[in-house]
Amino acid sequence: MARSEERDRELSGLRARTECLEAEATCLRSGREEARKDAKCLHGERTRLQQDLREVTSRAEETESTLRAANVRLGEANMDLQREREVARGRSSSSWVFLLGSVVIY
């Protein structure tokens, strides 16, 4: 009778351990499903971020190109302005000389 009680206790312990392991397995399966959902969500977010990066990169390249062209035009405008100032200085000097000459003549 002692052996059968001992065996019953062992079986009871094994049942309890089995129930515990089954509960743990259920919890792990649930966690695995959550992890899959999270991974799927993260993959979608990564895809969206990559698309955003491509769009931003494209716009940045367009902006850089526009900026380079604007800088070239600005440089040309500055050179034109400098030439106009030099010409204006030349006219101003010759006008001043002419004016002085006119005063002397009169």
PDB file of N, CA and C in Angstrom:
ATOM      1  N   MET A   1       0.814  -1.181   0.000  1.00  0.00           N
ATOM      2  CA  MET A   1       0.000   0.000   0.000  1.00  0.00           C
ATOM      3  C   MET A   1       0.870   1.263   0.000  1.00  0.00           C
ATOM      4  N   ALA A   2       1.981   1.230   0.640  1.00  0.00           N
ATOM      5  CA  ALA A   2       2.890   2.370   0.692  1.00  0.00           C
ATOM      6  C   ALA A   2       3.424   2.683  -0.701  1.00  0.00           C
ATOM      7  N   ARG A   3       3.679   1.609  -1.471  1.00  0.00           N
ATOM      8  CA  ARG A   3       4.185   1.846  -2.822  1.00  0.00           C
ATOM      9  C   ARG A   3       3.112   2.499  -3.678  1.00  0.00           C
ATOM     10  N   SER A   4       1.889   2.095  -3.531  1.00  0.00           N
ATOM     11  CA  SER A   4       0.834   2.679  -4.349  1.00  0.00           C
ATOM     12  C   SER A   4       0.601   4.138  -3.945  1.00  0.00           C
ATOM     13  N   GLU A   5       0.708   4.464  -2.678  1.00  0.00           N
ATOM     14  CA  GLU A   5       0.588   5.863  -2.238  1.00  0.00           C
ATOM     15  C   GLU A   5       1.764   6.687  -2.777  1.00  0.00           C
ATOM     16  N   GLU A   6       2.930   6.070  -2.736  1.00  0.00           N
ATOM     17  CA  GLU A   6       4.120   6.753  -3.256  1.00  0.00           C
ATOM     18  C   GLU A   6       3.967   7.000  -4.756  1.00  0.00           C
ATOM     19  N   ARG A   7       3.475   5.992  -5.470  1.00  0.00           N
ATOM     20  CA  ARG A   7       3.267   6.129  -6.904  1.00  0.00           C
ATOM     21  C   ARG A   7       2.195   7.183  -7.177  1.00  0.00           C
ATOM     22  N   ASP A   8       1.143   7.207  -6.387  1.00  0.00           N
ATOM     23  CA  ASP A   8       0.091   8.219  -6.547  1.00  0.00           C
ATOM     24  C   ASP A   8       0.658   9.633  -6.350  1.00  0.00           C
ATOM     25  N   ARG A   9       1.533   9.763  -5.351  1.00  0.00           N
ATOM     26  CA  ARG A   9       2.161  11.072  -5.107  1.00  0.00           C
ATOM     27  C   ARG A   9       3.051  11.459  -6.292  1.00  0.00           C
ATOM     28  N   GLU A  10       3.795  10.483  -6.816  1.00  0.00           N
ATOM     29  CA  GLU A  10       4.646  10.757  -7.977  1.00  0.00           C
ATOM     30  C   GLU A  10       3.798  11.164  -9.175  1.00  0.00           C
ATOM     31  N   LEU A  11       2.709  10.404  -9.395  1.00  0.00           N
ATOM     32  CA  LEU A  11       1.815  10.735 -10.512  1.00  0.00           C
ATOM     33  C   LEU A  11       1.178  12.107 -10.310  1.00  0.00           C
ATOM     34  N   SER A  12       0.796  12.396  -9.093  1.00  0.00           N
ATOM     35  CA  SER A  12       0.208  13.701  -8.789  1.00  0.00           C
ATOM     36  C   SER A  12       1.234  14.807  -9.058  1.00  0.00           C
ATOM     37  N   GLY A  13       2.468  14.580  -8.645  1.00  0.00           N
ATOM     38  CA  GLY A  13       3.538  15.551  -8.900  1.00  0.00           C
ATOM     39  C   GLY A  13       3.792  15.717 -10.389  1.00  0.00           C
ATOM     40  N   LEU A  14       3.780  14.573 -11.104  1.00  0.00           N
ATOM     41  CA  LEU A  14       3.984  14.640 -12.555  1.00  0.00           C
ATOM     42  C   LEU A  14       2.833  15.375 -13.241  1.00  0.00           C
ATOM     43  N   ARG A  15       1.603  15.137 -12.770  1.00  0.00           N
ATOM     44  CA  ARG A  15       0.444  15.844 -13.345  1.00  0.00           C
ATOM     45  C   ARG A  15       0.572  17.350 -13.099  1.00  0.00           C
ATOM     46  N   ALA A  16       0.950  17.690 -11.887  1.00  0.00           N
ATOM     47  CA  ALA A  16       1.107  19.114 -11.551  1.00  0.00           C
ATOM     48  C   ALA A  16       2.203  19.736 -12.417  1.00  0.00           C
ATOM     49  N   ARG A  17       3.300  19.015 -12.547  1.00  0.00           N
ATOM     50  CA  ARG A  17       4.411  19.514 -13.375  1.00  0.00           C
ATOM     51  C   ARG A  17       3.976  19.624 -14.834  1.00  0.00           C
ATOM     52  N   THR A  18       3.222  18.642 -15.326  1.00  0.00           N
ATOM     53  CA  THR A  18       2.710  18.658 -16.699  1.00  0.00           C
ATOM     54  C   THR A  18       1.786  19.848 -16.904  1.00  0.00           C
ATOM     55  N   GLU A  19       0.892  20.089 -15.958  1.00  0.00           N
ATOM     56  CA  GLU A  19      -0.018  21.235 -16.057  1.00  0.00           C
ATOM     57  C   GLU A  19       0.773  22.548 -16.084  1.00  0.00           C
ATOM     58  N   CYS A  20       1.781  22.603 -15.244  1.00  0.00           N
ATOM     59  CA  CYS A  20       2.632  23.797 -15.198  1.00  0.00           C
ATOM     60  C   CYS A  20       3.338  23.995 -16.539  1.00  0.00           C
ATOM     61  N   LEU A  21       3.884  22.910 -17.096  1.00  0.00           N
ATOM     62  CA  LEU A  21       4.571  23.002 -18.385  1.00  0.00           C
ATOM     63  C   LEU A  21       3.604  23.359 -19.510  1.00  0.00           C
ATOM     64  N   GLU A  22       2.388  22.816 -19.458  1.00  0.00           N
ATOM     65  CA  GLU A  22       1.388  23.151 -20.477  1.00  0.00           C
ATOM     66  C   GLU A  22       1.004  24.629 -20.392  1.00  0.00           C
ATOM     67  N   ALA A  23       0.853  25.133 -19.171  1.00  0.00           N
ATOM     68  CA  ALA A  23       0.537  26.557 -18.992  1.00  0.00           C
ATOM     69  C   ALA A  23       1.688  27.422 -19.509  1.00  0.00           C
ATOM     70  N   GLU A  24       2.910  26.998 -19.222  1.00  0.00           N
ATOM     71  CA  GLU A  24       4.079  27.734 -19.704  1.00  0.00           C
ATOM     72  C   GLU A  24       4.144  27.701 -21.230  1.00  0.00           C
ATOM     73  N   ALA A  25       3.846  26.543 -21.831  1.00  0.00           N
ATOM     74  CA  ALA A  25       3.850  26.421 -23.292  1.00  0.00           C
ATOM     75  C   ALA A  25       2.785  27.328 -23.905  1.00  0.00           C
ATOM     76  N   THR A  26       1.616  27.387 -23.282  1.00  0.00           N
ATOM     77  CA  THR A  26       0.549  28.266 -23.768  1.00  0.00           C
ATOM     78  C   THR A  26       0.999  29.725 -23.716  1.00  0.00           C
ATOM     79  N   CYS A  27       1.625  30.079 -22.611  1.00  0.00           N
ATOM     80  CA  CYS A  27       2.135  31.448 -22.449  1.00  0.00           C
ATOM     81  C   CYS A  27       3.198  31.751 -23.514  1.00  0.00           C
ATOM     82  N   LEU A  28       4.088  30.799 -23.747  1.00  0.00           N
ATOM     83  CA  LEU A  28       5.138  30.994 -24.752  1.00  0.00           C
ATOM     84  C   LEU A  28       4.548  31.110 -26.156  1.00  0.00           C
ATOM     85  N   ARG A  29       3.523  30.291 -26.456  1.00  0.00           N
ATOM     86  CA  ARG A  29       2.871  30.390 -27.769  1.00  0.00           C
ATOM     87  C   ARG A  29       2.239  31.764 -27.947  1.00  0.00           C
ATOM     88  N   SER A  30       1.584  32.229 -26.890  1.00  0.00           N
ATOM     89  CA  SER A  30       0.965  33.551 -26.937  1.00  0.00           C
ATOM     90  C   SER A  30       2.033  34.628 -27.158  1.00  0.00           C
ATOM     91  N   GLY A  31       3.137  34.506 -26.442  1.00  0.00           N
ATOM     92  CA  GLY A  31       4.239  35.450 -26.612  1.00  0.00           C
ATOM     93  C   GLY A  31       4.819  35.395 -28.012  1.00  0.00           C
ATOM     94  N   ARG A  32       4.900  34.191 -28.557  1.00  0.00           N
ATOM     95  CA  ARG A  32       5.422  34.026 -29.914  1.00  0.00           C
ATOM     96  C   ARG A  32       4.500  34.710 -30.924  1.00  0.00           C
ATOM     97  N   GLU A  33       3.189  34.555 -30.732  1.00  0.00           N
ATOM     98  CA  GLU A  33       2.236  35.208 -31.632  1.00  0.00           C
ATOM     99  C   GLU A  33       2.344  36.731 -31.529  1.00  0.00           C
ATOM    100  N   GLU A  34       2.488  37.229 -30.315  1.00  0.00           N
ATOM    101  CA  GLU A  34       2.667  38.673 -30.125  1.00  0.00           C
ATOM    102  C   GLU A  34       3.955  39.144 -30.807  1.00  0.00           C
ATOM    103  N   ALA A  35       5.004  38.353 -30.658  1.00  0.00           N
ATOM    104  CA  ALA A  35       6.283  38.707 -31.282  1.00  0.00           C
ATOM    105  C   ALA A  35       6.144  38.722 -32.805  1.00  0.00           C
ATOM    106  N   ARG A  36       5.396  37.786 -33.360  1.00  0.00           N
ATOM    107  CA  ARG A  36       5.165  37.769 -34.810  1.00  0.00           C
ATOM    108  C   ARG A  36       4.405  39.011 -35.259  1.00  0.00           C
ATOM    109  N   LYS A  37       3.369  39.365 -34.489  1.00  0.00           N
ATOM    110  CA  LYS A  37       2.603  40.570 -34.822  1.00  0.00           C
ATOM    111  C   LYS A  37       3.500  41.802 -34.764  1.00  0.00           C
ATOM    112  N   ASP A  38       4.312  41.889 -33.709  1.00  0.00           N
ATOM    113  CA  ASP A  38       5.234  43.024 -33.572  1.00  0.00           C
ATOM    114  C   ASP A  38       6.227  43.067 -34.731  1.00  0.00           C
ATOM    115  N   ALA A  39       6.751  41.900 -35.099  1.00  0.00           N
ATOM    116  CA  ALA A  39       7.718  41.838 -36.200  1.00  0.00           C
ATOM    117  C   ALA A  39       7.068  42.290 -37.506  1.00  0.00           C
ATOM    118  N   LYS A  40       5.824  41.864 -37.729  1.00  0.00           N
ATOM    119  CA  LYS A  40       5.110  42.262 -38.943  1.00  0.00           C
ATOM    120  C   LYS A  40       4.888  43.777 -38.950  1.00  0.00           C
ATOM    121  N   CYS A  41       4.493  44.312 -37.805  1.00  0.00           N
ATOM    122  CA  CYS A  41       4.278  45.756 -37.682  1.00  0.00           C
ATOM    123  C   CYS A  41       5.587  46.512 -37.912  1.00  0.00           C
ATOM    124  N   LEU A  42       6.664  46.038 -37.301  1.00  0.00           N
ATOM    125  CA  LEU A  42       7.965  46.685 -37.462  1.00  0.00           C
ATOM    126  C   LEU A  42       8.453  46.615 -38.906  1.00  0.00           C
ATOM    127  N   HIS A  43       8.179  45.501 -39.566  1.00  0.00           N
ATOM    128  CA  HIS A  43       8.570  45.371 -40.972  1.00  0.00           C
ATOM    129  C   HIS A  43       7.842  46.418 -41.814  1.00  0.00           C
ATOM    130  N   GLY A  44       6.538  46.576 -41.550  1.00  0.00           N
ATOM    131  CA  GLY A  44       5.767  47.589 -42.275  1.00  0.00           C
ATOM    132  C   GLY A  44       6.293  48.989 -42.010  1.00  0.00           C
ATOM    133  N   GLU A  45       6.613  49.262 -40.750  1.00  0.00           N
ATOM    134  CA  GLU A  45       7.155  50.579 -40.398  1.00  0.00           C
ATOM    135  C   GLU A  45       8.508  50.803 -41.079  1.00  0.00           C
ATOM    136  N   ARG A  46       9.337  49.776 -41.101  1.00  0.00           N
ATOM    137  CA  ARG A  46      10.648  49.881 -41.758  1.00  0.00           C
ATOM    138  C   ARG A  46      10.476  50.177 -43.246  1.00  0.00           C
ATOM    139  N   THR A  47       9.523  49.495 -43.873  1.00  0.00           N
ATOM    140  CA  THR A  47       9.259  49.718 -45.295  1.00  0.00           C
ATOM    141  C   THR A  47       8.821  51.160 -45.534  1.00  0.00           C
ATOM    142  N   ARG A  48       7.913  51.674 -44.673  1.00  0.00           N
ATOM    143  CA  ARG A  48       7.467  53.065 -44.815  1.00  0.00           C
ATOM    144  C   ARG A  48       8.627  54.038 -44.623  1.00  0.00           C
ATOM    145  N   LEU A  49       9.474  53.765 -43.634  1.00  0.00           N
ATOM    146  CA  LEU A  49      10.617  54.647 -43.381  1.00  0.00           C
ATOM    147  C   LEU A  49      11.602  54.638 -44.549  1.00  0.00           C
ATOM    148  N   GLN A  50      11.811  53.468 -45.146  1.00  0.00           N
ATOM    149  CA  GLN A  50      12.699  53.391 -46.312  1.00  0.00           C
ATOM    150  C   GLN A  50      12.134  54.202 -47.469  1.00  0.00           C
ATOM    151  N   GLN A  51      10.813  54.120 -47.673  1.00  0.00           N
ATOM    152  CA  GLN A  51      10.171  54.898 -48.737  1.00  0.00           C
ATOM    153  C   GLN A  51      10.307  56.389 -48.450  1.00  0.00           C
ATOM    154  N   ASP A  52      10.062  56.781 -47.196  1.00  0.00           N
ATOM    155  CA  ASP A  52      10.222  58.193 -46.817  1.00  0.00           C
ATOM    156  C   ASP A  52      11.650  58.657 -47.073  1.00  0.00           C
ATOM    157  N   LEU A  53      12.617  57.822 -46.728  1.00  0.00           N
ATOM    158  CA  LEU A  53      14.024  58.176 -46.933  1.00  0.00           C
ATOM    159  C   LEU A  53      14.330  58.366 -48.415  1.00  0.00           C
ATOM    160  N   ARG A  54      13.790  57.486 -49.254  1.00  0.00           N
ATOM    161  CA  ARG A  54      14.001  57.630 -50.702  1.00  0.00           C
ATOM    162  C   ARG A  54      13.414  58.955 -51.202  1.00  0.00           C
ATOM    163  N   GLU A  55      12.203  59.287 -50.725  1.00  0.00           N
ATOM    164  CA  GLU A  55      11.563  60.534 -51.155  1.00  0.00           C
ATOM    165  C   GLU A  55      12.351  61.749 -50.677  1.00  0.00           C
ATOM    166  N   VAL A  56      12.772  61.726 -49.421  1.00  0.00           N
ATOM    167  CA  VAL A  56      13.524  62.854 -48.864  1.00  0.00           C
ATOM    168  C   VAL A  56      14.862  62.996 -49.579  1.00  0.00           C
ATOM    169  N   THR A  57      15.508  61.876 -49.859  1.00  0.00           N
ATOM    170  CA  THR A  57      16.793  61.910 -50.567  1.00  0.00           C
ATOM    171  C   THR A  57      16.613  62.517 -51.953  1.00  0.00           C
ATOM    172  N   SER A  58      15.551  62.116 -52.626  1.00  0.00           N
ATOM    173  CA  SER A  58      15.279  62.646 -53.965  1.00  0.00           C
ATOM    174  C   SER A  58      15.041  64.156 -53.899  1.00  0.00           C
ATOM    175  N   ARG A  59      14.229  64.592 -52.932  1.00  0.00           N
ATOM    176  CA  ARG A  59      13.965  66.033 -52.794  1.00  0.00           C
ATOM    177  C   ARG A  59      15.235  66.787 -52.424  1.00  0.00           C
ATOM    178  N   ALA A  60      16.064  66.187 -51.578  1.00  0.00           N
ATOM    179  CA  ALA A  60      17.325  66.840 -51.184  1.00  0.00           C
ATOM    180  C   ALA A  60      18.238  67.003 -52.394  1.00  0.00           C
ATOM    181  N   GLU A  61      18.301  65.977 -53.244  1.00  0.00           N
ATOM    182  CA  GLU A  61      19.128  66.065 -54.448  1.00  0.00           C
ATOM    183  C   GLU A  61      18.604  67.146 -55.387  1.00  0.00           C
ATOM    184  N   GLU A  62      17.266  67.225 -55.531  1.00  0.00           N
ATOM    185  CA  GLU A  62      16.680  68.273 -56.375  1.00  0.00           C
ATOM    186  C   GLU A  62      16.999  69.653 -55.804  1.00  0.00           C
ATOM    187  N   THR A  63      16.879  69.779 -54.492  1.00  0.00           N
ATOM    188  CA  THR A  63      17.157  71.061 -53.833  1.00  0.00           C
ATOM    189  C   THR A  63      18.615  71.454 -53.998  1.00  0.00           C
ATOM    190  N   GLU A  64      19.515  70.492 -53.851  1.00  0.00           N
ATOM    191  CA  GLU A  64      20.943  70.774 -54.043  1.00  0.00           C
ATOM    192  C   GLU A  64      21.217  71.236 -55.467  1.00  0.00           C
ATOM    193  N   SER A  65      20.580  70.596 -56.425  1.00  0.00           N
ATOM    194  CA  SER A  65      20.762  70.977 -57.825  1.00  0.00           C
ATOM    195  C   SER A  65      20.245  72.398 -58.057  1.00  0.00           C
ATOM    196  N   THR A  66      19.073  72.692 -57.519  1.00  0.00           N
ATOM    197  CA  THR A  66      18.503  74.035 -57.647  1.00  0.00           C
ATOM    198  C   THR A  66      19.401  75.062 -56.977  1.00  0.00           C
ATOM    199  N   LEU A  67      19.923  74.714 -55.815  1.00  0.00           N
ATOM    200  CA  LEU A  67      20.811  75.622 -55.081  1.00  0.00           C
ATOM    201  C   LEU A  67      22.098  75.887 -55.854  1.00  0.00           C
ATOM    202  N   ARG A  68      22.658  74.845 -56.451  1.00  0.00           N
ATOM    203  CA  ARG A  68      23.871  75.036 -57.258  1.00  0.00           C
ATOM    204  C   ARG A  68      23.594  75.977 -58.431  1.00  0.00           C
ATOM    205  N   ALA A  69      22.462  75.761 -59.107  1.00  0.00           N
ATOM    206  CA  ALA A  69      22.106  76.620 -60.244  1.00  0.00           C
ATOM    207  C   ALA A  69      21.889  78.058 -59.772  1.00  0.00           C
ATOM    208  N   ALA A  70      21.227  78.227 -58.635  1.00  0.00           N
ATOM    209  CA  ALA A  70      20.993  79.574 -58.099  1.00  0.00           C
ATOM    210  C   ALA A  70      22.313  80.239 -57.729  1.00  0.00           C
ATOM    211  N   ASN A  71      23.238  79.478 -57.172  1.00  0.00           N
ATOM    212  CA  ASN A  71      24.552  80.031 -56.830  1.00  0.00           C
ATOM    213  C   ASN A  71      25.307  80.473 -58.078  1.00  0.00           C
ATOM    214  N   VAL A  72      25.197  79.700 -59.149  1.00  0.00           N
ATOM    215  CA  VAL A  72      25.846  80.087 -60.410  1.00  0.00           C
ATOM    216  C   VAL A  72      25.237  81.394 -60.906  1.00  0.00           C
ATOM    217  N   ARG A  73      23.880  81.463 -60.897  1.00  0.00           N
ATOM    218  CA  ARG A  73      23.217  82.694 -61.354  1.00  0.00           C
ATOM    219  C   ARG A  73      23.575  83.876 -60.458  1.00  0.00           C
ATOM    220  N   LEU A  74      23.667  83.638 -59.164  1.00  0.00           N
ATOM    221  CA  LEU A  74      24.045  84.705 -58.235  1.00  0.00           C
ATOM    222  C   LEU A  74      25.467  85.188 -58.512  1.00  0.00           C
ATOM    223  N   GLY A  75      26.369  84.258 -58.769  1.00  0.00           N
ATOM    224  CA  GLY A  75      27.742  84.633 -59.116  1.00  0.00           C
ATOM    225  C   GLY A  75      27.784  85.463 -60.385  1.00  0.00           C
ATOM    226  N   GLU A  76      27.004  85.047 -61.388  1.00  0.00           N
ATOM    227  CA  GLU A  76      26.949  85.803 -62.642  1.00  0.00           C
ATOM    228  C   GLU A  76      26.373  87.198 -62.406  1.00  0.00           C
ATOM    229  N   ALA A  77      25.318  87.274 -61.597  1.00  0.00           N
ATOM    230  CA  ALA A  77      24.705  88.574 -61.301  1.00  0.00           C
ATOM    231  C   ALA A  77      25.686  89.467 -60.551  1.00  0.00           C
ATOM    232  N   ASN A  78      26.444  88.896 -59.634  1.00  0.00           N
ATOM    233  CA  ASN A  78      27.452  89.679 -58.909  1.00  0.00           C
ATOM    234  C   ASN A  78      28.528  90.207 -59.853  1.00  0.00           C
ATOM    235  N   MET A  79      28.955  89.366 -60.796  1.00  0.00           N
ATOM    236  CA  MET A  79      29.964  89.815 -61.769  1.00  0.00           C
ATOM    237  C   MET A  79      29.390  90.927 -62.643  1.00  0.00           C
ATOM    238  N   ASP A  80      28.124  90.771 -63.082  1.00  0.00           N
ATOM    239  CA  ASP A  80      27.480  91.821 -63.881  1.00  0.00           C
ATOM    240  C   ASP A  80      27.395  93.120 -63.089  1.00  0.00           C
ATOM    241  N   LEU A  81      27.009  93.019 -61.835  1.00  0.00           N
ATOM    242  CA  LEU A  81      26.898  94.202 -60.986  1.00  0.00           C
ATOM    243  C   LEU A  81      28.257  94.871 -60.807  1.00  0.00           C
ATOM    244  N   GLN A  82      29.278  94.068 -60.619  1.00  0.00           N
ATOM    245  CA  GLN A  82      30.625  94.619 -60.464  1.00  0.00           C
ATOM    246  C   GLN A  82      31.051  95.349 -61.737  1.00  0.00           C
ATOM    247  N   ARG A  83      30.769  94.738 -62.899  1.00  0.00           N
ATOM    248  CA  ARG A  83      31.100  95.394 -64.168  1.00  0.00           C
ATOM    249  C   ARG A  83      30.342  96.712 -64.314  1.00  0.00           C
ATOM    250  N   GLU A  84      29.039  96.686 -63.958  1.00  0.00           N
ATOM    251  CA  GLU A  84      28.235  97.906 -64.055  1.00  0.00           C
ATOM    252  C   GLU A  84      28.792  98.994 -63.134  1.00  0.00           C
ATOM    253  N   ARG A  85      29.228  98.623 -61.951  1.00  0.00           N
ATOM    254  CA  ARG A  85      29.809  99.601 -61.025  1.00  0.00           C
ATOM    255  C   ARG A  85      31.101 100.185 -61.599  1.00  0.00           C
ATOM    256  N   GLU A  86      31.915  99.303 -62.183  1.00  0.00           N
ATOM    257  CA  GLU A  86      33.168  99.784 -62.780  1.00  0.00           C
ATOM    258  C   GLU A  86      32.883 100.741 -63.931  1.00  0.00           C
ATOM    259  N   VAL A  87      31.903 100.391 -64.750  1.00  0.00           N
ATOM    260  CA  VAL A  87      31.529 101.262 -65.866  1.00  0.00           C
ATOM    261  C   VAL A  87      30.980 102.574 -65.320  1.00  0.00           C
ATOM    262  N   ALA A  88      30.133 102.481 -64.277  1.00  0.00           N
ATOM    263  CA  ALA A  88      29.555 103.693 -63.683  1.00  0.00           C
ATOM    264  C   ALA A  88      30.651 104.564 -63.085  1.00  0.00           C
ATOM    265  N   ARG A  89      31.640 103.962 -62.454  1.00  0.00           N
ATOM    266  CA  ARG A  89      32.765 104.727 -61.907  1.00  0.00           C
ATOM    267  C   ARG A  89      33.525 105.424 -63.037  1.00  0.00           C
ATOM    268  N   GLY A  90      33.716 104.711 -64.121  1.00  0.00           N
ATOM    269  CA  GLY A  90      34.403 105.290 -65.276  1.00  0.00           C
ATOM    270  C   GLY A  90      33.624 106.468 -65.832  1.00  0.00           C
ATOM    271  N   ARG A  91      32.312 106.342 -65.949  1.00  0.00           N
ATOM    272  CA  ARG A  91      31.466 107.426 -66.450  1.00  0.00           C
ATOM    273  C   ARG A  91      31.499 108.597 -65.473  1.00  0.00           C
ATOM    274  N   SER A  92      31.435 108.243 -64.205  1.00  0.00           N
ATOM    275  CA  SER A  92      31.437 109.277 -63.173  1.00  0.00           C
ATOM    276  C   SER A  92      32.735 110.068 -63.234  1.00  0.00           C
ATOM    277  N   SER A  93      33.846 109.365 -63.396  1.00  0.00           N
ATOM    278  CA  SER A  93      35.147 110.042 -63.474  1.00  0.00           C
ATOM    279  C   SER A  93      35.224 110.905 -64.717  1.00  0.00           C
ATOM    280  N   SER A  94      34.799 110.366 -65.860  1.00  0.00           N
ATOM    281  CA  SER A  94      34.889 111.140 -67.091  1.00  0.00           C
ATOM    282  C   SER A  94      33.897 112.291 -67.058  1.00  0.00           C
ATOM    283  N   SER A  95      32.745 112.108 -66.445  1.00  0.00           N
ATOM    284  CA  SER A  95      31.780 113.201 -66.324  1.00  0.00           C
ATOM    285  C   SER A  95      32.352 114.295 -65.454  1.00  0.00           C
ATOM    286  N   TRP A  96      33.030 113.913 -64.406  1.00  0.00           N
ATOM    287  CA  TRP A  96      33.644 114.880 -63.500  1.00  0.00           C
ATOM    288  C   TRP A  96      34.731 115.672 -64.230  1.00  0.00           C
ATOM    289  N   VAL A  97      35.526 114.969 -65.017  1.00  0.00           N
ATOM    290  CA  VAL A  97      36.565 115.642 -65.800  1.00  0.00           C
ATOM    291  C   VAL A  97      35.915 116.574 -66.811  1.00  0.00           C
ATOM    292  N   PHE A  98      34.873 116.080 -67.485  1.00  0.00           N
ATOM    293  CA  PHE A  98      34.172 116.913 -68.455  1.00  0.00           C
ATOM    294  C   PHE A  98      33.585 118.142 -67.775  1.00  0.00           C
ATOM    295  N   LEU A  99      32.988 117.917 -66.605  1.00  0.00           N
ATOM    296  CA  LEU A  99      32.403 119.012 -65.850  1.00  0.00           C
ATOM    297  C   LEU A  99      33.479 120.026 -65.467  1.00  0.00           C
ATOM    298  N   LEU A 100      34.613 119.532 -64.994  1.00  0.00           N
ATOM    299  CA  LEU A 100      35.712 120.431 -64.648  1.00  0.00           C
ATOM    300  C   LEU A 100      36.192 121.187 -65.885  1.00  0.00           C
ATOM    301  N   GLY A 101      36.276 120.470 -66.980  1.00  0.00           N
ATOM    302  CA  GLY A 101      36.696 121.106 -68.225  1.00  0.00           C
ATOM    303  C   GLY A 101      35.719 122.182 -68.649  1.00  0.00           C
ATOM    304  N   SER A 102      34.442 121.911 -68.462  1.00  0.00           N
ATOM    305  CA  SER A 102      33.424 122.885 -68.828  1.00  0.00           C
ATOM    306  C   SER A 102      33.532 124.132 -67.974  1.00  0.00           C
ATOM    307  N   VAL A 103      33.802 123.917 -66.723  1.00  0.00           N
ATOM    308  CA  VAL A 103      33.925 125.055 -65.816  1.00  0.00           C
ATOM    309  C   VAL A 103      35.127 125.892 -66.217  1.00  0.00           C
ATOM    310  N   VAL A 104      36.210 125.203 -66.551  1.00  0.00           N
ATOM    311  CA  VAL A 104      37.426 125.914 -66.940  1.00  0.00           C
ATOM    312  C   VAL A 104      37.170 126.690 -68.219  1.00  0.00           C
ATOM    313  N   ILE A 105      36.459 126.099 -69.156  1.00  0.00           N
ATOM    314  CA  ILE A 105      36.220 126.745 -70.446  1.00  0.00           C
ATOM    315  C   ILE A 105      35.347 127.979 -70.257  1.00  0.00           C
ATOM    316  N   TYR A 106      34.385 127.896 -69.434  1.00  0.00           N
ATOM    317  CA  TYR A 106      33.497 129.036 -69.258  1.00  0.00           C
ATOM    318  C   TYR A 106      34.201 130.044 -68.443  1.00  0.00           C
TER     319      TYR A 106
END
